[in-house]
Amino acid sequence: MLRKLEKEKKITNMLYDSKPWLIRSGEVLKRDKHKCKSCGRKTNRVHHRRSALYHPEMSLYPGNLVTMCDKCEGEIHNRN
């Protein structure tokens, strides 16, 4: 189980450290005016509607990305 988690973390880190991600996430934040689409709070986080890990083909698709604060994203993932 630990190896699987390490592999998943490595894959997601590769995405989040990439230039395409930095560009696309910046575009999404601008589109959403840095406001959480769920509650309206200011934030600099971008959430994948469909997991980048399980749907890598959608990881940079603007329709799969939404600005979301930590609290609201935590509620989606059942972690508060």
Foldseek 3Di string as FASTA:
>chain_A
DVVVVVVLVVVVVVQCPDPLNVVLLVVQCVVQVQAAPVPGDHHSDKDFQDDCSVCVVCPRPSVRIHRHDPVVVCVVVVHD
